[in-house]
Protein backbone atom coordinates (compact mmCIF):
# COMPACT_ATOMS: atom_id res chain seq x y z
CA UNK A 1 0.00 0.00 -0.02
CA UNK A 2 1.11 3.56 -0.69
CA UNK A 3 0.55 6.62 1.49
CA UNK A 4 1.20 10.13 0.22
CA UNK A 5 2.02 12.43 3.13
CA UNK A 6 1.50 16.19 2.55
CA UNK A 7 3.01 18.79 4.85
CA UNK A 8 4.03 22.39 4.79
CA UNK A 9 7.43 21.57 6.15
CA UNK A 10 8.86 18.06 6.93
CA UNK A 11 11.66 19.69 8.98
CA UNK A 12 9.46 20.95 11.80
CA UNK A 13 9.30 19.29 15.18
CA UNK A 14 5.65 18.72 14.70
CA UNK A 15 6.21 16.62 11.60
CA UNK A 16 9.15 14.70 13.02
CA UNK A 17 7.37 13.71 16.24
CA UNK A 18 3.85 13.22 14.81
CA UNK A 19 4.64 11.57 11.46
CA UNK A 20 8.33 11.13 10.58
CA UNK A 21 9.25 8.94 13.53
CA UNK A 22 6.63 6.31 12.38
CA UNK A 23 7.47 6.05 8.71
CA UNK A 24 9.80 3.11 9.17
CA UNK A 25 7.18 1.38 11.32
CA UNK A 26 4.54 1.88 8.64
CA UNK A 27 6.99 0.48 6.05
CA UNK A 28 7.42 -2.65 8.19
CA UNK A 29 3.61 -2.99 8.17
CA UNK A 30 3.61 -2.93 4.36
CA UNK A 31 2.72 0.76 3.96
CA UNK A 32 5.23 2.73 1.86
CA UNK A 33 5.16 6.50 2.47
CA UNK A 34 6.06 9.35 0.09
CA UNK A 35 6.57 12.71 1.86
CA UNK A 36 5.87 15.79 -0.23
CA UNK A 37 6.14 19.47 0.74
CA UNK A 38 3.15 21.53 -0.33
CA UNK A 39 4.35 24.03 -2.92
CA UNK A 40 3.33 27.69 -2.99
CA UNK A 41 2.14 27.75 -6.57
CA UNK A 42 -1.54 26.87 -7.22
CA UNK A 43 -0.68 24.91 -10.32
CA UNK A 44 2.06 23.00 -8.63
CA UNK A 45 -0.29 22.13 -5.79
CA UNK A 46 -2.87 20.96 -8.21
CA UNK A 47 -0.30 18.73 -9.88
CA UNK A 48 0.67 17.35 -6.48
CA UNK A 49 -2.92 16.66 -5.61
CA UNK A 50 -3.46 14.93 -8.92
CA UNK A 51 -0.63 12.52 -8.02
CA UNK A 52 -2.75 11.41 -5.08
CA UNK A 53 -4.85 9.29 -7.39
CA UNK A 54 -1.89 6.82 -7.46
CA UNK A 55 -1.80 6.49 -3.69
CA UNK A 56 -4.15 4.49 -1.46
CA UNK A 57 -4.56 7.44 0.83
CA UNK A 58 -3.28 10.99 1.57
CA UNK A 59 -2.13 11.91 5.03
CA UNK A 60 -2.46 15.71 5.41
CA UNK A 61 -0.47 17.08 8.33
CA UNK A 62 -1.69 20.29 10.08
CA UNK A 63 -2.40 22.25 6.82
CA UNK A 64 -5.81 24.00 6.67
CA UNK A 65 -7.11 24.06 3.11
CA UNK A 66 -8.52 26.80 0.97
CA UNK A 67 -11.63 25.95 -1.07
CA UNK A 68 -9.48 25.54 -4.16
CA UNK A 69 -7.03 23.18 -2.43
CA UNK A 70 -9.83 21.25 -0.76
CA UNK A 71 -11.68 20.75 -4.11
CA UNK A 72 -8.69 19.39 -6.02
CA UNK A 73 -7.37 17.27 -3.13
CA UNK A 74 -10.78 15.53 -2.63
CA UNK A 75 -11.26 15.12 -6.28
CA UNK A 76 -8.09 13.02 -6.67
CA UNK A 77 -7.52 11.41 -3.30
CA UNK A 78 -9.10 8.02 -2.64
CA UNK A 79 -8.99 8.62 1.09
CA UNK A 80 -7.83 11.53 3.21
CA UNK A 81 -6.46 11.28 6.79
CA UNK A 82 -5.97 14.62 8.61
CA UNK A 83 -3.52 14.87 11.53
CA UNK A 84 -3.12 18.01 13.64
CA UNK A 85 -1.51 18.80 16.99
CA UNK A 86 -2.14 22.53 17.35
CA UNK A 87 -5.12 24.81 17.58
CA UNK A 88 -4.69 25.81 13.95
CA UNK A 89 -8.12 27.52 13.92
CA UNK A 90 -6.85 30.21 16.29
CA UNK A 91 -4.17 32.89 15.90
CA UNK A 92 -1.18 32.46 18.20
CA UNK A 93 -0.03 36.08 17.99
CA UNK A 94 -3.40 37.62 18.58
CA UNK A 95 -4.14 36.37 22.07
CA UNK A 96 -5.53 33.12 20.75
CA UNK A 97 -8.40 34.79 18.88
CA UNK A 98 -10.00 32.89 16.05
CA UNK A 99 -11.03 34.24 12.66
CA UNK A 100 -13.79 33.34 10.28
CA UNK A 101 -11.25 32.38 7.55
CA UNK A 102 -9.21 30.09 9.85
CA UNK A 103 -12.39 28.36 11.12
CA UNK A 104 -13.73 27.89 7.57
CA UNK A 105 -10.46 26.42 6.37
CA UNK A 106 -10.13 24.15 9.46
CA UNK A 107 -13.73 22.95 9.09
CA UNK A 108 -13.19 22.27 5.41
CA UNK A 109 -10.02 20.29 6.04
CA UNK A 110 -11.74 18.18 8.71
CA UNK A 111 -14.97 17.68 6.87
CA UNK A 112 -13.44 16.38 3.71
CA UNK A 113 -11.32 13.82 5.60
CA UNK A 114 -12.18 10.11 6.15
CA UNK A 115 -10.28 10.06 9.39
CA UNK A 116 -9.09 12.83 11.73
CA UNK A 117 -6.32 12.24 14.20
CA UNK A 118 -6.12 14.91 16.91
CA UNK A 119 -3.29 15.45 19.42
CA UNK A 120 -5.50 15.91 22.42
CA UNK A 121 -9.12 15.97 23.53
CA UNK A 122 -9.48 19.76 23.19
CA UNK A 123 -8.49 19.62 19.53
CA UNK A 124 -10.75 16.56 18.99
CA UNK A 125 -13.74 18.51 20.34
CA UNK A 126 -13.14 21.19 17.72
CA UNK A 127 -12.84 18.57 14.93
CA UNK A 128 -15.99 16.70 16.01
CA UNK A 129 -18.06 19.72 14.93
CA UNK A 130 -17.28 18.77 11.31
CA UNK A 131 -16.48 15.00 11.31
CA UNK A 132 -17.74 12.03 13.40
CA UNK A 133 -14.68 9.95 12.74
CA UNK A 134 -12.14 11.67 15.06
CA UNK A 135 -9.53 9.84 17.15
CA UNK A 136 -7.25 11.25 19.86
CA UNK A 137 -3.60 10.23 19.62
CA UNK A 138 -1.01 12.06 21.79
CA UNK A 139 2.48 12.82 20.49
CA UNK A 140 4.88 10.03 21.26
CA UNK A 141 8.43 10.27 22.60
CA UNK A 142 11.46 8.05 22.05
CA UNK A 143 12.50 7.36 25.66
CA UNK A 144 15.73 5.64 24.72
CA UNK A 145 18.07 8.73 24.62
CA UNK A 146 16.81 9.83 28.02
CA UNK A 147 17.39 6.47 29.56
CA UNK A 148 20.94 6.34 28.14
CA UNK A 149 21.93 9.86 29.37
CA UNK A 150 24.51 10.12 32.11
CA UNK A 151 23.09 10.92 35.63
CA UNK A 152 23.17 14.56 36.66
CA UNK A 153 26.10 15.74 38.70
CA UNK A 154 25.71 17.40 42.09
CA UNK A 155 27.78 20.54 41.70
CA UNK A 156 25.76 22.61 44.14
CA UNK A 157 23.81 24.34 41.32
CA UNK A 158 20.07 23.77 40.78
CA UNK A 159 19.24 24.10 37.06
CA UNK A 160 15.77 25.08 35.96
CA UNK A 161 15.34 24.11 32.28
CA UNK A 162 13.07 25.12 29.46
CA UNK A 163 13.08 23.49 25.97
CA UNK A 164 11.15 24.72 22.96
CA UNK A 165 11.22 26.76 19.80
CA UNK A 166 11.88 30.46 19.39
CA UNK A 167 8.15 31.03 18.63
CA UNK A 168 7.19 29.96 22.11
CA UNK A 169 10.15 31.47 24.00
CA UNK A 170 7.97 34.41 24.98
CA UNK A 171 5.96 32.13 27.27
CA UNK A 172 9.11 31.65 29.30
CA UNK A 173 9.94 35.32 29.28
CA UNK A 174 6.59 36.11 30.86
CA UNK A 175 7.73 34.48 34.15
CA UNK A 176 11.12 36.21 33.97
CA UNK A 177 10.38 38.49 36.99
CA UNK A 178 9.50 35.37 39.04
CA UNK A 179 12.79 33.73 38.10
CA UNK A 180 14.78 36.91 39.07
CA UNK A 181 13.02 36.96 42.45
CA UNK A 182 13.84 33.22 42.87
CA UNK A 183 17.48 33.93 42.05
CA UNK A 184 17.62 36.69 44.66
CA UNK A 185 16.39 34.17 47.20
CA UNK A 186 18.47 31.24 45.93
CA UNK A 187 21.72 32.40 44.31
CA UNK A 188 22.67 28.79 43.36
CA UNK A 189 19.70 28.49 40.98
CA UNK A 190 20.26 29.06 37.23
CA UNK A 191 18.10 28.83 34.14
CA UNK A 192 19.06 26.60 31.22
CA UNK A 193 17.41 27.38 27.89
CA UNK A 194 17.54 24.76 25.15
CA UNK A 195 16.40 26.53 21.98
CA UNK A 196 17.52 28.21 18.78
CA UNK A 197 17.08 31.70 20.38
CA UNK A 198 17.83 33.08 23.87
CA UNK A 199 17.33 35.97 26.27
CA UNK A 200 18.96 37.17 29.45
CA UNK A 201 17.56 37.87 32.87
CA UNK A 202 18.48 40.68 35.23
CA UNK A 203 19.42 38.50 38.23
CA UNK A 204 19.30 34.82 37.33
CA UNK A 205 22.19 33.38 35.34
CA UNK A 206 21.16 31.85 32.03
CA UNK A 207 22.85 28.85 30.45
CA UNK A 208 22.25 28.89 26.67
CA UNK A 209 22.24 25.52 24.96
CA UNK A 210 21.58 25.48 21.20
CA UNK A 211 18.99 22.72 20.50
CA UNK A 212 20.22 19.72 18.52
CA UNK A 213 18.79 16.23 18.27
CA UNK A 214 21.92 14.48 19.54
CA UNK A 215 22.39 16.67 22.65
CA UNK A 216 18.83 17.68 23.75
CA UNK A 217 18.17 14.65 25.93
CA UNK A 218 21.54 14.91 27.72
CA UNK A 219 21.05 18.63 28.30
CA UNK A 220 17.64 17.88 29.90
CA UNK A 221 18.88 14.92 31.97
CA UNK A 222 21.65 17.07 33.52
CA UNK A 223 19.15 19.63 34.71
CA UNK A 224 16.97 19.56 37.76
CA UNK A 225 13.52 21.13 37.29
CA UNK A 226 11.46 21.48 34.07
CA UNK A 227 9.46 24.58 33.35
CA UNK A 228 6.24 24.66 31.25
CA UNK A 229 4.63 28.10 31.51
CA UNK A 230 1.69 28.93 29.23
CA UNK A 231 -0.80 31.79 29.07
CA UNK A 232 -4.35 30.69 29.06
CA UNK A 233 -6.17 31.32 25.75
CA UNK A 234 -7.97 29.28 23.04
CA UNK A 235 -4.70 28.68 21.13
CA UNK A 236 -2.50 27.53 24.05
CA UNK A 237 -5.27 25.17 25.28
CA UNK A 238 -4.58 23.11 22.19
CA UNK A 239 -0.87 22.65 22.98
CA UNK A 240 0.05 18.94 23.29
CA UNK A 241 2.45 19.20 26.30
CA UNK A 242 5.39 17.59 24.54
CA UNK A 243 8.05 19.36 26.63
CA UNK A 244 6.42 17.96 29.76
CA UNK A 245 6.88 14.42 28.43
CA UNK A 246 10.58 15.29 27.73
CA UNK A 247 11.05 16.52 31.26
CA UNK A 248 9.43 13.44 32.75
CA UNK A 249 11.52 11.12 30.49
CA UNK A 250 14.63 12.88 31.84
CA UNK A 251 13.48 12.31 35.41
CA UNK A 252 12.73 15.91 36.16
CA UNK A 253 9.96 17.28 38.34
CA UNK A 254 7.83 19.77 36.38
CA UNK A 255 6.31 23.09 37.36
CA UNK A 256 3.71 24.02 34.79
CA UNK A 257 0.72 26.32 34.06
CA UNK A 258 -2.55 24.39 34.40
CA UNK A 259 -3.44 25.04 30.69
CA UNK A 260 -4.73 22.34 28.34
CA UNK A 261 -3.09 18.95 28.77
CA UNK A 262 -0.50 20.37 31.14
CA UNK A 263 -3.09 19.85 33.86
CA UNK A 264 -3.37 16.20 32.79
CA UNK A 265 0.27 15.39 32.32
CA UNK A 266 1.47 17.03 35.56
CA UNK A 267 -0.07 15.33 38.62
CA UNK A 268 -0.06 18.18 41.14
CA UNK A 269 2.13 17.08 44.02
CA UNK A 270 2.77 13.71 42.38
CA UNK A 271 4.93 14.39 39.35
CA UNK A 272 5.34 18.13 39.80
CA UNK A 273 3.32 21.24 40.60
CA UNK A 274 0.84 23.42 38.82
CA UNK A 275 1.13 27.19 39.11
CA UNK A 276 -1.65 29.62 38.09
CA UNK A 277 -0.02 32.98 38.80
CA UNK A 278 3.27 34.58 39.70
CA UNK A 279 2.84 33.94 43.45
CA UNK A 280 2.21 30.28 42.86
CA UNK A 281 5.15 29.99 40.47
CA UNK A 282 7.43 31.48 43.12
CA UNK A 283 6.03 29.29 45.87
CA UNK A 284 6.12 26.04 43.86
CA UNK A 285 9.59 26.67 42.47
CA UNK A 286 10.89 27.54 45.93
CA UNK A 287 9.47 24.27 47.32
CA UNK A 288 11.26 22.02 44.75
CA UNK A 289 14.48 24.09 44.83
CA UNK A 290 14.76 23.63 48.62
CA UNK A 291 14.01 19.89 48.70
CA UNK A 292 16.32 17.65 46.77
CA UNK A 293 14.60 14.42 47.89
CA UNK A 294 11.24 15.81 46.73
CA UNK A 295 12.79 16.54 43.31
CA UNK A 296 14.03 12.95 43.08
CA UNK A 297 10.63 11.50 44.11
CA UNK A 298 8.63 13.65 41.70
CA UNK A 299 11.09 12.91 38.87
CA UNK A 300 10.88 9.12 39.42
CA UNK A 301 7.07 9.31 39.44
CA UNK A 302 7.19 11.28 36.15
CA UNK A 303 9.41 8.64 34.59
CA UNK A 304 6.86 5.96 35.35
CA UNK A 305 4.05 8.15 34.04
CA UNK A 306 5.71 8.85 30.69
CA UNK A 307 6.10 5.14 29.83
CA UNK A 308 2.71 5.05 28.16
CA UNK A 309 3.84 7.80 25.70
CA UNK A 310 6.78 5.83 24.36
CA UNK A 311 6.98 5.83 20.57
CA UNK A 312 6.61 2.06 20.57
CA UNK A 313 3.28 2.38 22.25
CA UNK A 314 1.94 5.43 20.37
CA UNK A 315 3.44 4.14 17.09
CA UNK A 316 1.49 0.88 17.34
CA UNK A 317 -1.77 2.93 17.78
CA UNK A 318 -0.80 5.23 14.84
CA UNK A 319 -0.15 2.31 12.50
CA UNK A 320 -3.38 0.70 13.54
CA UNK A 321 -5.34 3.86 12.69
CA UNK A 322 -3.66 4.19 9.30
CA UNK A 323 -4.27 0.49 8.43
CA UNK A 324 -7.89 0.68 9.49
CA UNK A 325 -8.42 3.68 7.35
CA UNK A 326 -6.74 2.06 4.28
């Protein structure tokens, strides 16, 4: 069987973790995949959609379709599977506000699909307004690199860590004043940023680690406390909490905003703490900074909790959904 995978950019983290990691597994199940980047030209896109008639199905990743794109894709494709892991119907930069155009395009993309795979329940609820065949499948994580990382060294420094892309770095910056206050109280606490962009704080020292696939797991595993701040709006509620899974795989306790799946992935007082405002952020962070044994206990509980998100587990479910659709 042949699967045509259409995406805006196969180099993004979303594609790598949602689709790319499972292509070899699909191949072993007898499903060969061809990955194609959606071109900018209307005529080139139509030609790409026309090639879908030679595939058993099209897997469309995250893209919301114009009426023109939707018409030609549905005309040629035998079956369409739509996968998305972000609240693509809302605008990230506008306080999470939606727009009529975004909602129409999202609804069109979902409605013309034979199967919709959503990254969490919040996203699934949006899709179910347009399609009854919606399944929830969280993003999986390869736990191997985290298990193989060297144990963290006790050098007297407590490292807070944040990992993500430059587009979400502003969420971390919003708790900058809290981090500076924390550093005034605990001078041995530093912030490690694993990203492709960075910023400095007034009081707290910042360790800047350029993100790369080979080193990210080790950079996390040699830290102490994972941070997952988020503002609460319709866009951020659709976030799939992948960084929390990374922190837990690395054995770190997590302090997170109770937004979207954050509140599901972080068991308050069990695998970390939830913080709603600046006062709670300072209080929760102070608690885990002061108590090394608590950090260890929360981190171990997180490692147990994240086992169900291993790519072997999620990958089996992903392949089953694709096989059933085909």
